[in-house]
C-alpha atoms as a PDB file:
ATOM      1  CA  MET A   1     112.685 137.848  38.360  1.00  0.00           C
ATOM      2  CA  ASP A   2     115.448 139.353  36.292  1.00  0.00           C
ATOM      3  CA  HIS A   3     115.704 139.309  32.521  1.00  0.00           C
ATOM      4  CA  ALA A   4     118.751 137.012  32.466  1.00  0.00           C
ATOM      5  CA  ARG A   5     116.883 134.281  34.365  1.00  0.00           C
ATOM      6  CA  TYR A   6     113.950 134.676  31.997  1.00  0.00           C
ATOM      7  CA  LEU A   7     116.268 134.228  29.015  1.00  0.00           C
ATOM      8  CA  ASP A   8     117.694 131.046  30.565  1.00  0.00           C
ATOM      9  CA  ILE A   9     114.204 129.595  31.003  1.00  0.00           C
ATOM     10  CA  THR A  10     113.029 130.480  27.497  1.00  0.00           C
ATOM     11  CA  GLU A  11     116.259 129.261  25.920  1.00  0.00           C
ATOM     12  CA  GLY A  12     115.790 125.880  27.578  1.00  0.00           C
ATOM     13  CA  LEU A  13     112.209 125.718  26.345  1.00  0.00           C
ATOM     14  CA  ARG A  14     113.278 126.719  22.839  1.00  0.00           C
ATOM     15  CA  GLN A  15     115.837 123.905  22.812  1.00  0.00           C
ATOM     16  CA  GLN A  16     113.182 121.444  23.977  1.00  0.00           C
ATOM     17  CA  MET A  17     110.905 122.581  21.136  1.00  0.00           C
ATOM     18  CA  ALA A  18     113.722 122.086  18.656  1.00  0.00           C
ATOM     19  CA  GLU A  19     114.421 118.612  20.004  1.00  0.00           C
ATOM     20  CA  ARG A  20     110.860 117.357  20.512  1.00  0.00           C
ATOM     21  CA  LEU A  21     108.846 119.168  17.835  1.00  0.00           C
ATOM     22  CA  ASN A  22     111.610 119.788  15.292  1.00  0.00           C
ATOM     23  CA  VAL A  23     110.811 123.512  15.369  1.00  0.00           C
ATOM     24  CA  ARG A  24     113.888 125.547  14.563  1.00  0.00           C
ATOM     25  CA  ALA A  25     113.925 129.222  15.530  1.00  0.00           C
ATOM     26  CA  ARG A  26     116.418 131.730  16.863  1.00  0.00           C
ATOM     27  CA  SER A  27     114.202 133.056  19.646  1.00  0.00           C
ATOM     28  CA  PHE A  28     111.489 131.719  21.911  1.00  0.00           C
ATOM     29  CA  PRO A  29     108.646 133.869  20.490  1.00  0.00           C
ATOM     30  CA  LYS A  30     109.469 132.693  16.957  1.00  0.00           C
ATOM     31  CA  ALA A  31     109.598 129.081  18.133  1.00  0.00           C
ATOM     32  CA  VAL A  32     106.175 129.451  19.755  1.00  0.00           C
ATOM     33  CA  ARG A  33     104.788 130.983  16.572  1.00  0.00           C
ATOM     34  CA  LYS A  34     106.230 128.161  14.444  1.00  0.00           C
ATOM     35  CA  ALA A  35     105.024 125.446  16.824  1.00  0.00           C
ATOM     36  CA  GLY A  36     101.460 126.736  16.592  1.00  0.00           C
ATOM     37  CA  ARG A  37      98.950 123.925  17.019  1.00  0.00           C
ATOM     38  CA  LEU A  38     101.617 121.358  17.774  1.00  0.00           C
ATOM     39  CA  LEU A  39     101.373 122.610  21.342  1.00  0.00           C
ATOM     40  CA  PRO A  40      98.239 121.801  23.350  1.00  0.00           C
ATOM     41  CA  PRO A  41      95.958 124.753  24.222  1.00  0.00           C
ATOM     42  CA  ALA A  42      97.207 125.019  27.824  1.00  0.00           C
ATOM     43  CA  ALA A  43     100.825 125.074  26.650  1.00  0.00           C
ATOM     44  CA  ARG A  44     100.016 127.686  23.991  1.00  0.00           C
ATOM     45  CA  ALA A  45      98.433 129.914  26.640  1.00  0.00           C
ATOM     46  CA  ALA A  46     101.458 129.456  28.911  1.00  0.00           C
ATOM     47  CA  ALA A  47     103.786 130.256  26.012  1.00  0.00           C
ATOM     48  CA  ARG A  48     101.833 133.436  25.274  1.00  0.00           C
ATOM     49  CA  GLU A  49     102.175 134.385  28.924  1.00  0.00           C
ATOM     50  CA  LEU A  50     105.951 133.909  28.771  1.00  0.00           C
ATOM     51  CA  VAL A  51     106.228 135.886  25.535  1.00  0.00           C
ATOM     52  CA  ASP A  52     104.189 138.736  27.037  1.00  0.00           C
ATOM     53  CA  ALA A  53     106.346 138.701  30.170  1.00  0.00           C
ATOM     54  CA  GLU A  54     109.475 139.515  28.189  1.00  0.00           C
ATOM     55  CA  ALA A  55     108.359 143.090  27.585  1.00  0.00           C
ATOM     56  CA  ARG A  56     107.576 143.529  31.286  1.00  0.00           C
ATOM     57  CA  LEU A  57     110.931 142.115  32.360  1.00  0.00           C
ATOM     58  CA  THR A  58     112.932 144.532  30.237  1.00  0.00           C
ATOM     59  CA  HIS A  59     111.417 147.437  32.204  1.00  0.00           C
ATOM     60  CA  PRO A  60     113.035 147.757  35.674  1.00  0.00           C
ATOM     61  CA  LYS A  61     109.926 148.783  37.624  1.00  0.00           C
ATOM     62  CA  LEU A  62     107.655 146.245  35.954  1.00  0.00           C
ATOM     63  CA  ALA A  63     110.220 143.492  36.430  1.00  0.00           C
ATOM     64  CA  VAL A  64     109.977 143.915  40.193  1.00  0.00           C
ATOM     65  CA  ARG A  65     106.184 143.570  40.023  1.00  0.00           C
ATOM     66  CA  THR A  66     106.276 140.426  37.863  1.00  0.00           C
ATOM     67  CA  ASP A  67     105.600 137.289  39.889  1.00  0.00           C
ATOM     68  CA  PRO A  68     108.267 134.667  39.117  1.00  0.00           C
ATOM     69  CA  SER A  69     106.052 131.815  40.331  1.00  0.00           C
ATOM     70  CA  ASN A  70     103.599 132.484  37.476  1.00  0.00           C
ATOM     71  CA  LEU A  71     106.418 132.361  34.961  1.00  0.00           C
ATOM     72  CA  HIS A  72     107.844 129.165  36.467  1.00  0.00           C
ATOM     73  CA  ALA A  73     104.376 127.579  36.389  1.00  0.00           C
ATOM     74  CA  ALA A  74     103.989 128.541  32.730  1.00  0.00           C
ATOM     75  CA  ALA A  75     107.427 127.111  31.939  1.00  0.00           C
ATOM     76  CA  ASP A  76     106.524 123.883  33.759  1.00  0.00           C
ATOM     77  CA  THR A  77     103.288 123.619  31.767  1.00  0.00           C
ATOM     78  CA  ILE A  78     105.171 123.950  28.484  1.00  0.00           C
ATOM     79  CA  SER A  79     107.894 121.562  29.591  1.00  0.00           C
ATOM     80  CA  THR A  80     105.331 118.940  30.616  1.00  0.00           C
ATOM     81  CA  ALA A  81     103.527 119.262  27.288  1.00  0.00           C
ATOM     82  CA  LEU A  82     106.803 118.911  25.401  1.00  0.00           C
ATOM     83  CA  ALA A  83     107.797 115.858  27.442  1.00  0.00           C
ATOM     84  CA  ARG A  84     104.762 114.009  26.049  1.00  0.00           C
ATOM     85  CA  HIS A  85     106.060 114.326  22.479  1.00  0.00           C
ATOM     86  CA  LYS A  86     108.455 111.682  21.252  1.00  0.00           C
ATOM     87  CA  PRO A  87     111.473 113.131  19.455  1.00  0.00           C
ATOM     88  CA  GLY A  88     111.304 112.313  15.770  1.00  0.00           C
ATOM     89  CA  ALA A  89     107.651 111.203  15.842  1.00  0.00           C
ATOM     90  CA  ARG A  90     106.561 113.940  13.440  1.00  0.00           C
ATOM     91  CA  ALA A  91     109.314 113.080  10.977  1.00  0.00           C
ATOM     92  CA  ALA A  92     108.400 109.393  11.114  1.00  0.00           C
ATOM     93  CA  GLN A  93     104.745 110.234  10.502  1.00  0.00           C
ATOM     94  CA  ARG A  94     105.681 112.390   7.522  1.00  0.00           C
ATOM     95  CA  ARG A  95     107.795 109.584   6.061  1.00  0.00           C
ATOM     96  CA  SER A  96     105.008 107.044   6.440  1.00  0.00           C
ATOM     97  CA  LEU A  97     102.477 109.407   4.835  1.00  0.00           C
ATOM     98  CA  LEU A  98     104.868 110.018   1.950  1.00  0.00           C
ATOM     99  CA  ALA A  99     105.326 106.271   1.432  1.00  0.00           C
ATOM    100  CA  ALA A 100     101.546 105.764   1.516  1.00  0.00           C
ATOM    101  CA  GLU A 101     101.032 108.536  -1.024  1.00  0.00           C
ATOM    102  CA  ILE A 102     103.656 107.097  -3.367  1.00  0.00           C
ATOM    103  CA  GLY A 103     102.090 103.647  -3.061  1.00  0.00           C
ATOM    104  CA  PHE A 104      98.613 104.974  -3.780  1.00  0.00           C
ATOM    105  CA  ARG A 105      99.778 106.886  -6.837  1.00  0.00           C
ATOM    106  CA  ALA A 106     101.621 103.827  -8.137  1.00  0.00           C
ATOM    107  CA  LEU A 107      98.458 101.763  -7.655  1.00  0.00           C
ATOM    108  CA  VAL A 108      96.411 104.323  -9.617  1.00  0.00           C
ATOM    109  CA  VAL A 109      98.946 104.337 -12.476  1.00  0.00           C
ATOM    110  CA  ILE A 110      99.031 100.527 -12.625  1.00  0.00           C
ATOM    111  CA  ALA A 111      95.232 100.324 -12.560  1.00  0.00           C
ATOM    112  CA  ALA A 112      94.983 102.934 -15.332  1.00  0.00           C
ATOM    113  CA  GLY A 113      97.514 100.977 -17.401  1.00  0.00           C
ATOM    114  CA  LEU A 114      95.614  97.720 -16.938  1.00  0.00           C
ATOM    115  CA  LEU A 115      92.341  99.420 -17.878  1.00  0.00           C
ATOM    116  CA  PHE A 116      93.967 100.857 -20.990  1.00  0.00           C
ATOM    117  CA  LEU A 117      95.298  97.421 -21.979  1.00  0.00           C
ATOM    118  CA  GLN A 118      91.885  95.861 -21.405  1.00  0.00           C
ATOM    119  CA  TRP A 119      90.249  98.553 -23.503  1.00  0.00           C
ATOM    120  CA  GLN A 120      92.755  98.162 -26.377  1.00  0.00           C
ATOM    121  CA  SER A 121      92.852  94.357 -26.484  1.00  0.00           C
ATOM    122  CA  PRO A 122      90.790  92.715 -29.230  1.00  0.00           C
ATOM    123  CA  VAL A 123      88.466  90.155 -27.746  1.00  0.00           C
END
């Protein structure tokens, strides 16, 4: 496998990560690092394998010895894991958690105000 083909594969995976996981990075290794635990363990291991293969593919003699089927299998594993994620699901979850937090804090403030009024009222 040559280095140009490797770059095509990793660029496609990086774009999928940006689309599905909302992970923005300029290179594939940085995208993998930013994605972290958003990827399942098998996909993280496959991503590590692809990142490690980049150093081997830049060397001419090691590039000949690198098995392209292993790299394609790793890319397929990552692609399958990314296909399970809905685009925008993380952003929607963040918005709903923010709305829940705002609602809870408003409820606490209202309850504190009512308790203060009850405490201050002459009965």
